[in-house]
């Protein structure tokens, strides 16, 4: 079954916002809340301005956010947050190397 890139992008956007709210609503650590707010605000800005490409410096920030998620997810023993951190790190390393603006799919 073929799914158009526009539908994939819309599904991805919904997932990003759900994950951002999930991180914001975590009660055990403020650092995960901050990461959630950063993801939410960055993606809102990207979507509102119709930005096509993230600036190169965003890859470093994305890596740092992934590290924060892994570290704090480990502290609170939330393996889903650890998984999100690993995925975030891998996506930003991939983008930094390949520079093709494909992060997750």
PDB file of N, CA and C in Angstrom:
ATOM      1  N   UNK A   1       0.834  -1.176   0.000  1.00  0.00           N
ATOM      2  CA  UNK A   1       0.000   0.000   0.000  1.00  0.00           C
ATOM      3  C   UNK A   1       0.885   1.248   0.000  1.00  0.00           C
ATOM      4  N   UNK A   2       0.599   2.159  -0.891  1.00  0.00           N
ATOM      5  CA  UNK A   2       1.374   3.383  -1.027  1.00  0.00           C
ATOM      6  C   UNK A   2       0.738   4.496  -0.190  1.00  0.00           C
ATOM      7  N   UNK A   3       1.550   5.145   0.616  1.00  0.00           N
ATOM      8  CA  UNK A   3       1.090   6.298   1.395  1.00  0.00           C
ATOM      9  C   UNK A   3       1.873   7.501   0.906  1.00  0.00           C
ATOM     10  N   UNK A   4       1.178   8.551   0.540  1.00  0.00           N
ATOM     11  CA  UNK A   4       1.854   9.735  -0.003  1.00  0.00           C
ATOM     12  C   UNK A   4       2.729  10.383   1.057  1.00  0.00           C
ATOM     13  N   UNK A   5       3.723  11.113   0.600  1.00  0.00           N
ATOM     14  CA  UNK A   5       4.657  11.798   1.502  1.00  0.00           C
ATOM     15  C   UNK A   5       3.923  12.834   2.344  1.00  0.00           C
ATOM     16  N   UNK A   6       2.898  13.463   1.792  1.00  0.00           N
ATOM     17  CA  UNK A   6       2.123  14.462   2.548  1.00  0.00           C
ATOM     18  C   UNK A   6       1.408  13.803   3.728  1.00  0.00           C
ATOM     19  N   UNK A   7       0.827  12.622   3.501  1.00  0.00           N
ATOM     20  CA  UNK A   7       0.154  11.908   4.589  1.00  0.00           C
ATOM     21  C   UNK A   7       1.179  11.472   5.636  1.00  0.00           C
ATOM     22  N   UNK A   8       2.335  10.969   5.189  1.00  0.00           N
ATOM     23  CA  UNK A   8       3.396  10.579   6.122  1.00  0.00           C
ATOM     24  C   UNK A   8       3.834  11.773   6.961  1.00  0.00           C
ATOM     25  N   UNK A   9       4.012  12.924   6.320  1.00  0.00           N
ATOM     26  CA  UNK A   9       4.419  14.129   7.048  1.00  0.00           C
ATOM     27  C   UNK A   9       3.376  14.536   8.073  1.00  0.00           C
ATOM     28  N   UNK A  10       2.101  14.475   7.704  1.00  0.00           N
ATOM     29  CA  UNK A  10       1.039  14.849   8.644  1.00  0.00           C
ATOM     30  C   UNK A  10       0.986  13.895   9.829  1.00  0.00           C
ATOM     31  N   UNK A  11       1.148  12.610   9.575  1.00  0.00           N
ATOM     32  CA  UNK A  11       1.179  11.627  10.664  1.00  0.00           C
ATOM     33  C   UNK A  11       2.375  11.892  11.568  1.00  0.00           C
ATOM     34  N   UNK A  12       3.532  12.170  10.956  1.00  0.00           N
ATOM     35  CA  UNK A  12       4.734  12.460  11.733  1.00  0.00           C
ATOM     36  C   UNK A  12       4.535  13.691  12.608  1.00  0.00           C
ATOM     37  N   UNK A  13       3.946  14.737  12.066  1.00  0.00           N
ATOM     38  CA  UNK A  13       3.712  15.967  12.831  1.00  0.00           C
ATOM     39  C   UNK A  13       2.826  15.678  14.037  1.00  0.00           C
ATOM     40  N   UNK A  14       1.781  14.907  13.842  1.00  0.00           N
ATOM     41  CA  UNK A  14       0.892  14.558  14.951  1.00  0.00           C
ATOM     42  C   UNK A  14       1.658  13.784  16.021  1.00  0.00           C
ATOM     43  N   UNK A  15       2.474  12.825  15.590  1.00  0.00           N
ATOM     44  CA  UNK A  15       3.261  12.034  16.540  1.00  0.00           C
ATOM     45  C   UNK A  15       4.238  12.918  17.309  1.00  0.00           C
ATOM     46  N   UNK A  16       4.886  13.855  16.628  1.00  0.00           N
ATOM     47  CA  UNK A  16       5.839  14.760  17.292  1.00  0.00           C
ATOM     48  C   UNK A  16       5.138  15.568  18.376  1.00  0.00           C
ATOM     49  N   UNK A  17       3.963  16.102  18.071  1.00  0.00           N
ATOM     50  CA  UNK A  17       3.247  16.909  19.066  1.00  0.00           C
ATOM     51  C   UNK A  17       2.767  16.048  20.233  1.00  0.00           C
ATOM     52  N   UNK A  18       2.329  14.836  19.969  1.00  0.00           N
ATOM     53  CA  UNK A  18       1.911  13.942  21.054  1.00  0.00           C
ATOM     54  C   UNK A  18       3.100  13.632  21.959  1.00  0.00           C
ATOM     55  N   UNK A  19       4.250  13.340  21.358  1.00  0.00           N
ATOM     56  CA  UNK A  19       5.453  13.045  22.146  1.00  0.00           C
ATOM     57  C   UNK A  19       5.892  14.268  22.939  1.00  0.00           C
ATOM     58  N   UNK A  20       5.845  15.446  22.330  1.00  0.00           N
ATOM     59  CA  UNK A  20       6.221  16.670  23.048  1.00  0.00           C
ATOM     60  C   UNK A  20       5.328  16.860  24.273  1.00  0.00           C
ATOM     61  N   UNK A  21       4.022  16.690  24.110  1.00  0.00           N
ATOM     62  CA  UNK A  21       3.113  16.834  25.248  1.00  0.00           C
ATOM     63  C   UNK A  21       3.361  15.742  26.297  1.00  0.00           C
ATOM     64  N   UNK A  22       3.656  14.542  25.850  1.00  0.00           N
ATOM     65  CA  UNK A  22       3.992  13.459  26.780  1.00  0.00           C
ATOM     66  C   UNK A  22       5.199  13.854  27.631  1.00  0.00           C
ATOM     67  N   UNK A  23       6.230  14.398  26.998  1.00  0.00           N
ATOM     68  CA  UNK A  23       7.429  14.804  27.733  1.00  0.00           C
ATOM     69  C   UNK A  23       7.146  15.972  28.668  1.00  0.00           C
ATOM     70  N   UNK A  24       6.339  16.911  28.226  1.00  0.00           N
ATOM     71  CA  UNK A  24       5.984  18.070  29.049  1.00  0.00           C
ATOM     72  C   UNK A  24       5.221  17.635  30.295  1.00  0.00           C
ATOM     73  N   UNK A  25       4.395  16.613  30.175  1.00  0.00           N
ATOM     74  CA  UNK A  25       3.540  16.188  31.285  1.00  0.00           C
ATOM     75  C   UNK A  25       4.213  15.220  32.261  1.00  0.00           C
ATOM     76  N   UNK A  26       5.460  14.845  32.015  1.00  0.00           N
ATOM     77  CA  UNK A  26       6.175  13.970  32.944  1.00  0.00           C
ATOM     78  C   UNK A  26       6.395  14.701  34.261  1.00  0.00           C
ATOM     79  N   UNK A  27       6.168  14.017  35.354  1.00  0.00           N
ATOM     80  CA  UNK A  27       6.237  14.648  36.680  1.00  0.00           C
ATOM     81  C   UNK A  27       7.566  14.442  37.411  1.00  0.00           C
ATOM     82  N   UNK A  28       8.387  13.505  36.950  1.00  0.00           N
ATOM     83  CA  UNK A  28       9.544  13.105  37.753  1.00  0.00           C
ATOM     84  C   UNK A  28      10.813  13.921  37.530  1.00  0.00           C
ATOM     85  N   UNK A  29      10.918  14.642  36.419  1.00  0.00           N
ATOM     86  CA  UNK A  29      12.136  15.422  36.173  1.00  0.00           C
ATOM     87  C   UNK A  29      11.831  16.631  35.295  1.00  0.00           C
ATOM     88  N   UNK A  30      12.361  17.751  35.704  1.00  0.00           N
ATOM     89  CA  UNK A  30      12.159  19.010  34.971  1.00  0.00           C
ATOM     90  C   UNK A  30      12.892  18.991  33.635  1.00  0.00           C
ATOM     91  N   UNK A  31      14.015  18.254  33.550  1.00  0.00           N
ATOM     92  CA  UNK A  31      14.806  18.238  32.317  1.00  0.00           C
ATOM     93  C   UNK A  31      14.031  17.645  31.157  1.00  0.00           C
ATOM     94  N   UNK A  32      13.262  16.608  31.430  1.00  0.00           N
ATOM     95  CA  UNK A  32      12.438  16.016  30.375  1.00  0.00           C
ATOM     96  C   UNK A  32      11.344  16.989  29.960  1.00  0.00           C
ATOM     97  N   UNK A  33      10.790  17.728  30.928  1.00  0.00           N
ATOM     98  CA  UNK A  33       9.791  18.760  30.606  1.00  0.00           C
ATOM     99  C   UNK A  33      10.384  19.828  29.693  1.00  0.00           C
ATOM    100  N   UNK A  34      11.604  20.240  29.993  1.00  0.00           N
ATOM    101  CA  UNK A  34      12.263  21.271  29.175  1.00  0.00           C
ATOM    102  C   UNK A  34      12.478  20.758  27.753  1.00  0.00           C
ATOM    103  N   UNK A  35      12.924  19.520  27.613  1.00  0.00           N
ATOM    104  CA  UNK A  35      13.100  18.930  26.281  1.00  0.00           C
ATOM    105  C   UNK A  35      11.767  18.915  25.540  1.00  0.00           C
ATOM    106  N   UNK A  36      10.702  18.533  26.218  1.00  0.00           N
ATOM    107  CA  UNK A  36       9.377  18.539  25.598  1.00  0.00           C
ATOM    108  C   UNK A  36       8.981  19.920  25.108  1.00  0.00           C
ATOM    109  N   UNK A  37       9.216  20.934  25.932  1.00  0.00           N
ATOM    110  CA  UNK A  37       8.891  22.315  25.520  1.00  0.00           C
ATOM    111  C   UNK A  37       9.733  22.757  24.325  1.00  0.00           C
ATOM    112  N   UNK A  38      11.016  22.398  24.328  1.00  0.00           N
ATOM    113  CA  UNK A  38      11.886  22.763  23.205  1.00  0.00           C
ATOM    114  C   UNK A  38      11.392  22.107  21.920  1.00  0.00           C
ATOM    115  N   UNK A  39      11.064  20.820  21.994  1.00  0.00           N
ATOM    116  CA  UNK A  39      10.554  20.123  20.808  1.00  0.00           C
ATOM    117  C   UNK A  39       9.253  20.752  20.338  1.00  0.00           C
ATOM    118  N   UNK A  40       8.345  21.024  21.264  1.00  0.00           N
ATOM    119  CA  UNK A  40       7.056  21.625  20.910  1.00  0.00           C
ATOM    120  C   UNK A  40       7.245  22.977  20.237  1.00  0.00           C
ATOM    121  N   UNK A  41       8.011  23.862  20.853  1.00  0.00           N
ATOM    122  CA  UNK A  41       8.195  25.210  20.304  1.00  0.00           C
ATOM    123  C   UNK A  41       8.950  25.186  18.979  1.00  0.00           C
ATOM    124  N   UNK A  42       9.963  24.329  18.873  1.00  0.00           N
ATOM    125  CA  UNK A  42      10.725  24.251  17.622  1.00  0.00           C
ATOM    126  C   UNK A  42       9.839  23.770  16.480  1.00  0.00           C
ATOM    127  N   UNK A  43       9.024  22.766  16.733  1.00  0.00           N
ATOM    128  CA  UNK A  43       8.168  22.239  15.662  1.00  0.00           C
ATOM    129  C   UNK A  43       7.004  23.174  15.350  1.00  0.00           C
ATOM    130  N   UNK A  44       6.504  23.873  16.356  1.00  0.00           N
ATOM    131  CA  UNK A  44       5.486  24.901  16.074  1.00  0.00           C
ATOM    132  C   UNK A  44       6.060  25.972  15.161  1.00  0.00           C
ATOM    133  N   UNK A  45       7.256  26.443  15.494  1.00  0.00           N
ATOM    134  CA  UNK A  45       7.908  27.457  14.664  1.00  0.00           C
ATOM    135  C   UNK A  45       8.111  26.935  13.239  1.00  0.00           C
ATOM    136  N   UNK A  46       8.608  25.702  13.133  1.00  0.00           N
ATOM    137  CA  UNK A  46       8.855  25.096  11.815  1.00  0.00           C
ATOM    138  C   UNK A  46       7.557  25.004  11.014  1.00  0.00           C
ATOM    139  N   UNK A  47       6.477  24.582  11.666  1.00  0.00           N
ATOM    140  CA  UNK A  47       5.211  24.411  10.963  1.00  0.00           C
ATOM    141  C   UNK A  47       4.545  25.745  10.627  1.00  0.00           C
ATOM    142  N   UNK A  48       4.622  26.699  11.525  1.00  0.00           N
ATOM    143  CA  UNK A  48       3.989  28.008  11.283  1.00  0.00           C
ATOM    144  C   UNK A  48       4.708  28.767  10.163  1.00  0.00           C
ATOM    145  N   UNK A  49       6.037  28.693  10.150  1.00  0.00           N
ATOM    146  CA  UNK A  49       6.809  29.432   9.147  1.00  0.00           C
ATOM    147  C   UNK A  49       7.019  28.635   7.863  1.00  0.00           C
ATOM    148  N   UNK A  50       6.559  27.392   7.835  1.00  0.00           N
ATOM    149  CA  UNK A  50       6.737  26.500   6.678  1.00  0.00           C
ATOM    150  C   UNK A  50       8.212  26.319   6.334  1.00  0.00           C
ATOM    151  N   UNK A  51       9.027  26.257   7.381  1.00  0.00           N
ATOM    152  CA  UNK A  51      10.470  26.067   7.205  1.00  0.00           C
ATOM    153  C   UNK A  51      10.718  24.704   6.563  1.00  0.00           C
ATOM    154  N   UNK A  52      11.538  24.669   5.550  1.00  0.00           N
ATOM    155  CA  UNK A  52      11.823  23.435   4.813  1.00  0.00           C
ATOM    156  C   UNK A  52      12.990  22.650   5.408  1.00  0.00           C
ATOM    157  N   UNK A  53      13.998  23.345   5.919  1.00  0.00           N
ATOM    158  CA  UNK A  53      15.210  22.693   6.409  1.00  0.00           C
ATOM    159  C   UNK A  53      15.597  23.275   7.759  1.00  0.00           C
ATOM    160  N   UNK A  54      16.019  22.404   8.659  1.00  0.00           N
ATOM    161  CA  UNK A  54      16.556  22.869   9.931  1.00  0.00           C
ATOM    162  C   UNK A  54      17.964  23.402   9.691  1.00  0.00           C
ATOM    163  N   UNK A  55      18.366  24.479  10.380  1.00  0.00           N
ATOM    164  CA  UNK A  55      19.758  24.936  10.284  1.00  0.00           C
ATOM    165  C   UNK A  55      20.714  23.863  10.821  1.00  0.00           C
ATOM    166  N   UNK A  56      21.943  23.906  10.374  1.00  0.00           N
ATOM    167  CA  UNK A  56      22.939  22.900  10.748  1.00  0.00           C
ATOM    168  C   UNK A  56      23.139  22.821  12.264  1.00  0.00           C
ATOM    169  N   UNK A  57      23.093  23.968  12.956  1.00  0.00           N
ATOM    170  CA  UNK A  57      23.317  23.963  14.402  1.00  0.00           C
ATOM    171  C   UNK A  57      22.221  23.201  15.152  1.00  0.00           C
ATOM    172  N   UNK A  58      21.088  23.018  14.533  1.00  0.00           N
ATOM    173  CA  UNK A  58      19.995  22.264  15.167  1.00  0.00           C
ATOM    174  C   UNK A  58      20.358  20.798  15.365  1.00  0.00           C
ATOM    175  N   UNK A  59      21.277  20.286  14.550  1.00  0.00           N
ATOM    176  CA  UNK A  59      21.692  18.889  14.706  1.00  0.00           C
ATOM    177  C   UNK A  59      22.397  18.696  16.048  1.00  0.00           C
ATOM    178  N   UNK A  60      23.226  19.647  16.435  1.00  0.00           N
ATOM    179  CA  UNK A  60      23.923  19.566  17.718  1.00  0.00           C
ATOM    180  C   UNK A  60      22.923  19.659  18.861  1.00  0.00           C
ATOM    181  N   UNK A  61      21.970  20.579  18.756  1.00  0.00           N
ATOM    182  CA  UNK A  61      20.935  20.717  19.780  1.00  0.00           C
ATOM    183  C   UNK A  61      20.119  19.424  19.867  1.00  0.00           C
ATOM    184  N   UNK A  62      19.762  18.848  18.726  1.00  0.00           N
ATOM    185  CA  UNK A  62      19.021  17.589  18.709  1.00  0.00           C
ATOM    186  C   UNK A  62      19.779  16.465  19.402  1.00  0.00           C
ATOM    187  N   UNK A  63      21.089  16.409  19.175  1.00  0.00           N
ATOM    188  CA  UNK A  63      21.920  15.408  19.856  1.00  0.00           C
ATOM    189  C   UNK A  63      21.895  15.617  21.372  1.00  0.00           C
ATOM    190  N   UNK A  64      22.035  16.856  21.792  1.00  0.00           N
ATOM    191  CA  UNK A  64      22.010  17.164  23.227  1.00  0.00           C
ATOM    192  C   UNK A  64      20.666  16.806  23.847  1.00  0.00           C
ATOM    193  N   UNK A  65      19.587  17.104  23.144  1.00  0.00           N
ATOM    194  CA  UNK A  65      18.258  16.750  23.651  1.00  0.00           C
ATOM    195  C   UNK A  65      18.121  15.234  23.785  1.00  0.00           C
ATOM    196  N   UNK A  66      18.648  14.502  22.821  1.00  0.00           N
ATOM    197  CA  UNK A  66      18.620  13.042  22.899  1.00  0.00           C
ATOM    198  C   UNK A  66      19.397  12.520  24.098  1.00  0.00           C
ATOM    199  N   UNK A  67      20.554  13.108  24.348  1.00  0.00           N
ATOM    200  CA  UNK A  67      21.372  12.704  25.501  1.00  0.00           C
ATOM    201  C   UNK A  67      20.627  12.993  26.803  1.00  0.00           C
ATOM    202  N   UNK A  68      19.995  14.156  26.885  1.00  0.00           N
ATOM    203  CA  UNK A  68      19.215  14.505  28.084  1.00  0.00           C
ATOM    204  C   UNK A  68      18.085  13.505  28.285  1.00  0.00           C
ATOM    205  N   UNK A  69      17.410  13.132  27.201  1.00  0.00           N
ATOM    206  CA  UNK A  69      16.324  12.153  27.317  1.00  0.00           C
ATOM    207  C   UNK A  69      16.840  10.808  27.814  1.00  0.00           C
ATOM    208  N   UNK A  70      17.939  10.337  27.247  1.00  0.00           N
ATOM    209  CA  UNK A  70      18.486   9.042  27.662  1.00  0.00           C
ATOM    210  C   UNK A  70      18.900   9.074  29.129  1.00  0.00           C
ATOM    211  N   UNK A  71      19.644  10.085  29.513  1.00  0.00           N
ATOM    212  CA  UNK A  71      20.147  10.185  30.881  1.00  0.00           C
ATOM    213  C   UNK A  71      19.009  10.263  31.892  1.00  0.00           C
ATOM    214  N   UNK A  72      18.071  11.179  31.660  1.00  0.00           N
ATOM    215  CA  UNK A  72      16.980  11.355  32.614  1.00  0.00           C
ATOM    216  C   UNK A  72      15.965  10.221  32.540  1.00  0.00           C
ATOM    217  N   UNK A  73      15.786   9.638  31.366  1.00  0.00           N
ATOM    218  CA  UNK A  73      14.929   8.465  31.255  1.00  0.00           C
ATOM    219  C   UNK A  73      15.487   7.306  32.062  1.00  0.00           C
ATOM    220  N   UNK A  74      16.809   7.167  32.060  1.00  0.00           N
ATOM    221  CA  UNK A  74      17.461   6.136  32.855  1.00  0.00           C
ATOM    222  C   UNK A  74      17.259   6.395  34.350  1.00  0.00           C
ATOM    223  N   UNK A  75      17.408   7.643  34.754  1.00  0.00           N
ATOM    224  CA  UNK A  75      17.245   7.999  36.171  1.00  0.00           C
ATOM    225  C   UNK A  75      15.839   7.659  36.660  1.00  0.00           C
ATOM    226  N   UNK A  76      14.822   7.964  35.871  1.00  0.00           N
ATOM    227  CA  UNK A  76      13.444   7.696  36.300  1.00  0.00           C
ATOM    228  C   UNK A  76      12.958   6.325  35.838  1.00  0.00           C
ATOM    229  N   UNK A  77      13.826   5.575  35.191  1.00  0.00           N
ATOM    230  CA  UNK A  77      13.533   4.218  34.704  1.00  0.00           C
ATOM    231  C   UNK A  77      12.331   4.184  33.755  1.00  0.00           C
ATOM    232  N   UNK A  78      12.321   5.140  32.825  1.00  0.00           N
ATOM    233  CA  UNK A  78      11.273   5.187  31.802  1.00  0.00           C
ATOM    234  C   UNK A  78      11.934   4.800  30.480  1.00  0.00           C
ATOM    235  N   UNK A  79      11.721   3.559  30.074  1.00  0.00           N
ATOM    236  CA  UNK A  79      12.411   3.027  28.894  1.00  0.00           C
ATOM    237  C   UNK A  79      11.872   3.614  27.594  1.00  0.00           C
ATOM    238  N   UNK A  80      10.655   4.099  27.596  1.00  0.00           N
ATOM    239  CA  UNK A  80      10.123   4.768  26.410  1.00  0.00           C
ATOM    240  C   UNK A  80      10.885   6.075  26.158  1.00  0.00           C
ATOM    241  N   UNK A  81      11.163   6.812  27.212  1.00  0.00           N
ATOM    242  CA  UNK A  81      11.924   8.062  27.065  1.00  0.00           C
ATOM    243  C   UNK A  81      13.358   7.753  26.641  1.00  0.00           C
ATOM    244  N   UNK A  82      13.953   6.702  27.166  1.00  0.00           N
ATOM    245  CA  UNK A  82      15.288   6.289  26.720  1.00  0.00           C
ATOM    246  C   UNK A  82      15.252   5.964  25.230  1.00  0.00           C
ATOM    247  N   UNK A  83      14.243   5.219  24.803  1.00  0.00           N
ATOM    248  CA  UNK A  83      14.074   4.872  23.389  1.00  0.00           C
ATOM    249  C   UNK A  83      13.947   6.135  22.533  1.00  0.00           C
ATOM    250  N   UNK A  84      13.156   7.104  22.988  1.00  0.00           N
ATOM    251  CA  UNK A  84      13.011   8.363  22.243  1.00  0.00           C
ATOM    252  C   UNK A  84      14.363   9.068  22.115  1.00  0.00           C
ATOM    253  N   UNK A  85      15.144   9.069  23.182  1.00  0.00           N
ATOM    254  CA  UNK A  85      16.467   9.690  23.145  1.00  0.00           C
ATOM    255  C   UNK A  85      17.391   9.008  22.146  1.00  0.00           C
ATOM    256  N   UNK A  86      17.369   7.683  22.118  1.00  0.00           N
ATOM    257  CA  UNK A  86      18.203   6.929  21.170  1.00  0.00           C
ATOM    258  C   UNK A  86      17.790   7.243  19.734  1.00  0.00           C
ATOM    259  N   UNK A  87      16.485   7.238  19.470  1.00  0.00           N
ATOM    260  CA  UNK A  87      15.985   7.544  18.124  1.00  0.00           C
ATOM    261  C   UNK A  87      16.377   8.959  17.722  1.00  0.00           C
ATOM    262  N   UNK A  88      16.265   9.896  18.653  1.00  0.00           N
ATOM    263  CA  UNK A  88      16.615  11.295  18.366  1.00  0.00           C
ATOM    264  C   UNK A  88      18.100  11.420  18.031  1.00  0.00           C
ATOM    265  N   UNK A  89      18.942  10.769  18.811  1.00  0.00           N
ATOM    266  CA  UNK A  89      20.381  10.825  18.553  1.00  0.00           C
ATOM    267  C   UNK A  89      20.707  10.219  17.188  1.00  0.00           C
ATOM    268  N   UNK A  90      20.171   9.039  16.910  1.00  0.00           N
ATOM    269  CA  UNK A  90      20.457   8.392  15.629  1.00  0.00           C
ATOM    270  C   UNK A  90      19.984   9.240  14.446  1.00  0.00           C
ATOM    271  N   UNK A  91      18.812   9.843  14.579  1.00  0.00           N
ATOM    272  CA  UNK A  91      18.270  10.670  13.489  1.00  0.00           C
ATOM    273  C   UNK A  91      19.150  11.886  13.228  1.00  0.00           C
ATOM    274  N   UNK A  92      19.625  12.536  14.286  1.00  0.00           N
ATOM    275  CA  UNK A  92      20.429  13.745  14.091  1.00  0.00           C
ATOM    276  C   UNK A  92      21.852  13.421  13.643  1.00  0.00           C
ATOM    277  N   UNK A  93      22.401  12.305  14.080  1.00  0.00           N
ATOM    278  CA  UNK A  93      23.709  11.879  13.554  1.00  0.00           C
ATOM    279  C   UNK A  93      23.578  11.573  12.069  1.00  0.00           C
ATOM    280  N   UNK A  94      22.533  10.836  11.706  1.00  0.00           N
ATOM    281  CA  UNK A  94      22.294  10.495  10.300  1.00  0.00           C
ATOM    282  C   UNK A  94      22.176  11.761   9.451  1.00  0.00           C
ATOM    283  N   UNK A  95      21.401  12.719   9.935  1.00  0.00           N
ATOM    284  CA  UNK A  95      21.200  13.957   9.181  1.00  0.00           C
ATOM    285  C   UNK A  95      22.503  14.750   9.082  1.00  0.00           C
ATOM    286  N   UNK A  96      23.273  14.779  10.170  1.00  0.00           N
ATOM    287  CA  UNK A  96      24.536  15.508  10.160  1.00  0.00           C
ATOM    288  C   UNK A  96      25.493  14.936   9.115  1.00  0.00           C
ATOM    289  N   UNK A  97      25.481  13.613   8.963  1.00  0.00           N
ATOM    290  CA  UNK A  97      26.381  12.951   8.013  1.00  0.00           C
ATOM    291  C   UNK A  97      25.852  13.056   6.577  1.00  0.00           C
ATOM    292  N   UNK A  98      24.592  12.721   6.372  1.00  0.00           N
ATOM    293  CA  UNK A  98      24.052  12.623   5.005  1.00  0.00           C
ATOM    294  C   UNK A  98      23.505  13.938   4.445  1.00  0.00           C
ATOM    295  N   UNK A  99      23.083  14.847   5.322  1.00  0.00           N
ATOM    296  CA  UNK A  99      22.536  16.142   4.907  1.00  0.00           C
ATOM    297  C   UNK A  99      21.462  16.015   3.829  1.00  0.00           C
ATOM    298  N   UNK A 100      20.503  15.094   4.046  1.00  0.00           N
ATOM    299  CA  UNK A 100      19.445  14.898   3.064  1.00  0.00           C
ATOM    300  C   UNK A 100      18.058  15.306   3.573  1.00  0.00           C
ATOM    301  N   UNK A 101      18.002  15.880   4.758  1.00  0.00           N
ATOM    302  CA  UNK A 101      16.761  16.338   5.387  1.00  0.00           C
ATOM    303  C   UNK A 101      15.742  15.228   5.582  1.00  0.00           C
ATOM    304  N   UNK A 102      16.227  14.016   5.754  1.00  0.00           N
ATOM    305  CA  UNK A 102      15.394  12.874   6.107  1.00  0.00           C
ATOM    306  C   UNK A 102      15.859  12.422   7.484  1.00  0.00           C
ATOM    307  N   UNK A 103      14.981  12.554   8.465  1.00  0.00           N
ATOM    308  CA  UNK A 103      15.370  12.244   9.825  1.00  0.00           C
ATOM    309  C   UNK A 103      14.894  10.872  10.295  1.00  0.00           C
ATOM    310  N   UNK A 104      13.613  10.601  10.122  1.00  0.00           N
ATOM    311  CA  UNK A 104      13.033   9.409  10.743  1.00  0.00           C
ATOM    312  C   UNK A 104      12.411   8.435   9.742  1.00  0.00           C
ATOM    313  N   UNK A 105      12.086   8.856   8.571  1.00  0.00           N
ATOM    314  CA  UNK A 105      11.433   7.963   7.602  1.00  0.00           C
ATOM    315  C   UNK A 105      11.785   8.375   6.193  1.00  0.00           C
TER     316      UNK A 105
END
